[in-house]
Amino acid sequence: MSQIRYCLGKKLGEIPDYLGQARYIAEKLGDKRSLAIIGLHLGRLYYLGAKISDAASTLSLWLEAVEELGDKDIQLRAAEFHGIFYYIQGMHIEAAEYFDMAIQNEKNGQTT
């Protein structure tokens, strides 16, 4: 849902509510994988809202969680978020590499 709203640019203000609901359910279920994806989407939302410090800290936390999960699929799906994280830090070469990876993942049907 979050991805669709970003693409359409509609009702972006509702995304935090949806993410909050999804986070609550994932926490109740103990679903660490979903929590990581939700956290990454929240980080991107902070970035889009020009809350750069919040975006950097949130993305850092949840990208670390993705690495700890060790799940190749979620690591592929996190490429876009790695790109945003590196871009925020001014590491544009690294960001471009991850954005390229995200584009390839999109072409291969591996999206967030």
C-alpha atoms as a PDB file:
ATOM      1  CA  MET A   1       0.000   0.000   0.000  1.00  0.00           C
ATOM      2  CA  SER A   2       2.796   2.395   0.924  1.00  0.00           C
ATOM      3  CA  GLN A   3       4.576   1.759  -2.377  1.00  0.00           C
ATOM      4  CA  ILE A   4       1.423   2.430  -4.391  1.00  0.00           C
ATOM      5  CA  ARG A   5       0.748   5.691  -2.581  1.00  0.00           C
ATOM      6  CA  TYR A   6       4.335   6.862  -3.158  1.00  0.00           C
ATOM      7  CA  CYS A   7       4.060   6.110  -6.850  1.00  0.00           C
ATOM      8  CA  LEU A   8       0.718   7.830  -7.220  1.00  0.00           C
ATOM      9  CA  GLY A   9       1.580  10.673  -4.863  1.00  0.00           C
ATOM     10  CA  LYS A  10      -1.911  10.467  -3.368  1.00  0.00           C
ATOM     11  CA  LYS A  11      -2.962  10.489   0.272  1.00  0.00           C
ATOM     12  CA  LEU A  12       0.639  10.359   1.487  1.00  0.00           C
ATOM     13  CA  GLY A  13      -0.542  11.693   4.838  1.00  0.00           C
ATOM     14  CA  GLU A  14      -2.314   8.393   5.493  1.00  0.00           C
ATOM     15  CA  ILE A  15       0.849   6.316   5.177  1.00  0.00           C
ATOM     16  CA  PRO A  16       2.002   6.795   8.795  1.00  0.00           C
ATOM     17  CA  ASP A  17      -1.343   5.453  10.040  1.00  0.00           C
ATOM     18  CA  TYR A  18      -1.104   2.402   7.801  1.00  0.00           C
ATOM     19  CA  LEU A  19       2.498   1.798   8.805  1.00  0.00           C
ATOM     20  CA  GLY A  20       1.538   2.120  12.468  1.00  0.00           C
ATOM     21  CA  GLN A  21      -1.227  -0.455  12.070  1.00  0.00           C
ATOM     22  CA  ALA A  22       1.045  -2.804  10.171  1.00  0.00           C
ATOM     23  CA  ARG A  23       3.788  -2.389  12.782  1.00  0.00           C
ATOM     24  CA  TYR A  24       1.362  -3.185  15.599  1.00  0.00           C
ATOM     25  CA  ILE A  25       0.252  -6.395  13.881  1.00  0.00           C
ATOM     26  CA  ALA A  26       3.817  -7.432  12.995  1.00  0.00           C
ATOM     27  CA  GLU A  27       4.919  -6.876  16.603  1.00  0.00           C
ATOM     28  CA  LYS A  28       1.984  -8.958  17.906  1.00  0.00           C
ATOM     29  CA  LEU A  29       2.915 -11.750  15.514  1.00  0.00           C
ATOM     30  CA  GLY A  30       6.653 -11.469  16.215  1.00  0.00           C
ATOM     31  CA  ASP A  31       7.251 -10.964  12.484  1.00  0.00           C
ATOM     32  CA  LYS A  32      10.755  -9.452  12.376  1.00  0.00           C
ATOM     33  CA  ARG A  33      10.891  -9.475   8.593  1.00  0.00           C
ATOM     34  CA  SER A  34       7.743  -7.365   8.230  1.00  0.00           C
ATOM     35  CA  LEU A  35       8.900  -5.054  11.023  1.00  0.00           C
ATOM     36  CA  ALA A  36      12.123  -4.390   9.108  1.00  0.00           C
ATOM     37  CA  ILE A  37      10.267  -3.578   5.875  1.00  0.00           C
ATOM     38  CA  ILE A  38       7.833  -1.333   7.749  1.00  0.00           C
ATOM     39  CA  GLY A  39      10.752   0.452   9.430  1.00  0.00           C
ATOM     40  CA  LEU A  40      12.436   1.016   6.068  1.00  0.00           C
ATOM     41  CA  HIS A  41       9.259   2.513   4.633  1.00  0.00           C
ATOM     42  CA  LEU A  42       9.044   4.791   7.666  1.00  0.00           C
ATOM     43  CA  GLY A  43      12.628   5.907   7.054  1.00  0.00           C
ATOM     44  CA  ARG A  44      11.789   6.733   3.447  1.00  0.00           C
ATOM     45  CA  LEU A  45       8.736   8.653   4.608  1.00  0.00           C
ATOM     46  CA  TYR A  46      10.942  10.738   6.926  1.00  0.00           C
ATOM     47  CA  TYR A  47      13.279  11.410   4.007  1.00  0.00           C
ATOM     48  CA  LEU A  48      10.430  12.541   1.762  1.00  0.00           C
ATOM     49  CA  GLY A  49       9.194  14.767   4.570  1.00  0.00           C
ATOM     50  CA  ALA A  50      12.647  16.401   4.830  1.00  0.00           C
ATOM     51  CA  LYS A  51      13.265  14.908   8.274  1.00  0.00           C
ATOM     52  CA  ILE A  52      16.773  13.932   7.266  1.00  0.00           C
ATOM     53  CA  SER A  53      18.134  13.136  10.733  1.00  0.00           C
ATOM     54  CA  ASP A  54      15.130  10.934  11.528  1.00  0.00           C
ATOM     55  CA  ALA A  55      15.426   9.290   8.114  1.00  0.00           C
ATOM     56  CA  ALA A  56      19.115   8.496   8.591  1.00  0.00           C
ATOM     57  CA  SER A  57      18.692   7.032  12.073  1.00  0.00           C
ATOM     58  CA  THR A  58      15.576   5.048  11.151  1.00  0.00           C
ATOM     59  CA  LEU A  59      17.111   3.652   7.967  1.00  0.00           C
ATOM     60  CA  SER A  60      20.326   2.778   9.800  1.00  0.00           C
ATOM     61  CA  LEU A  61      18.422   0.873  12.491  1.00  0.00           C
ATOM     62  CA  TRP A  62      16.267  -1.106  10.081  1.00  0.00           C
ATOM     63  CA  LEU A  63      18.982  -1.754   7.500  1.00  0.00           C
ATOM     64  CA  GLU A  64      20.974  -3.319  10.326  1.00  0.00           C
ATOM     65  CA  ALA A  65      17.927  -5.435  11.187  1.00  0.00           C
ATOM     66  CA  VAL A  66      17.722  -6.543   7.542  1.00  0.00           C
ATOM     67  CA  GLU A  67      21.362  -7.650   7.632  1.00  0.00           C
ATOM     68  CA  GLU A  68      20.780  -9.556  10.889  1.00  0.00           C
ATOM     69  CA  LEU A  69      17.893 -11.442   9.323  1.00  0.00           C
ATOM     70  CA  GLY A  70      20.302 -12.761   6.687  1.00  0.00           C
ATOM     71  CA  ASP A  71      17.431 -13.325   4.266  1.00  0.00           C
ATOM     72  CA  LYS A  72      18.626 -12.778   0.693  1.00  0.00           C
ATOM     73  CA  ASP A  73      15.168 -11.759  -0.515  1.00  0.00           C
ATOM     74  CA  ILE A  74      14.760  -8.979   2.044  1.00  0.00           C
ATOM     75  CA  GLN A  75      18.316  -7.818   1.393  1.00  0.00           C
ATOM     76  CA  LEU A  76      17.474  -7.460  -2.305  1.00  0.00           C
ATOM     77  CA  ARG A  77      14.271  -5.628  -1.466  1.00  0.00           C
ATOM     78  CA  ALA A  78      16.186  -3.236   0.805  1.00  0.00           C
ATOM     79  CA  ALA A  79      18.435  -1.954  -2.012  1.00  0.00           C
ATOM     80  CA  GLU A  80      16.369   1.189  -2.582  1.00  0.00           C
ATOM     81  CA  PHE A  81      16.555   2.009   1.121  1.00  0.00           C
ATOM     82  CA  HIS A  82      20.321   1.487   1.166  1.00  0.00           C
ATOM     83  CA  GLY A  83      20.488   3.939  -1.727  1.00  0.00           C
ATOM     84  CA  ILE A  84      18.509   6.549   0.177  1.00  0.00           C
ATOM     85  CA  PHE A  85      20.656   6.008   3.274  1.00  0.00           C
ATOM     86  CA  TYR A  86      23.896   6.519   1.365  1.00  0.00           C
ATOM     87  CA  TYR A  87      22.480   9.475  -0.562  1.00  0.00           C
ATOM     88  CA  ILE A  88      21.560  11.215   2.702  1.00  0.00           C
ATOM     89  CA  GLN A  89      25.160  10.817   3.828  1.00  0.00           C
ATOM     90  CA  GLY A  90      26.518  12.306   0.621  1.00  0.00           C
ATOM     91  CA  MET A  91      27.927   8.946  -0.500  1.00  0.00           C
ATOM     92  CA  HIS A  92      26.552   9.283  -4.006  1.00  0.00           C
ATOM     93  CA  ILE A  93      28.599   6.573  -5.714  1.00  0.00           C
ATOM     94  CA  GLU A  94      27.422   3.979  -3.183  1.00  0.00           C
ATOM     95  CA  ALA A  95      23.883   5.341  -3.418  1.00  0.00           C
ATOM     96  CA  ALA A  96      23.926   5.016  -7.224  1.00  0.00           C
ATOM     97  CA  GLU A  97      25.090   1.401  -6.964  1.00  0.00           C
ATOM     98  CA  TYR A  98      22.179   0.551  -4.681  1.00  0.00           C
ATOM     99  CA  PHE A  99      19.696   2.501  -6.803  1.00  0.00           C
ATOM    100  CA  ASP A 100      20.915   0.547  -9.854  1.00  0.00           C
ATOM    101  CA  MET A 101      20.436  -2.675  -7.892  1.00  0.00           C
ATOM    102  CA  ALA A 102      16.912  -1.555  -6.929  1.00  0.00           C
ATOM    103  CA  ILE A 103      16.095  -0.899 -10.586  1.00  0.00           C
ATOM    104  CA  GLN A 104      17.326  -4.371 -11.538  1.00  0.00           C
ATOM    105  CA  ASN A 105      15.287  -5.879  -8.709  1.00  0.00           C
ATOM    106  CA  GLU A 106      12.222  -4.030  -9.985  1.00  0.00           C
ATOM    107  CA  LYS A 107      12.802  -5.437 -13.480  1.00  0.00           C
ATOM    108  CA  ASN A 108      13.132  -8.920 -11.973  1.00  0.00           C
ATOM    109  CA  GLY A 109       9.939  -8.537  -9.927  1.00  0.00           C
ATOM    110  CA  GLN A 110      11.684  -8.236  -6.548  1.00  0.00           C
ATOM    111  CA  THR A 111      10.205  -5.053  -5.082  1.00  0.00           C
ATOM    112  CA  THR A 112       9.199  -3.695  -1.687  1.00  0.00           C
END
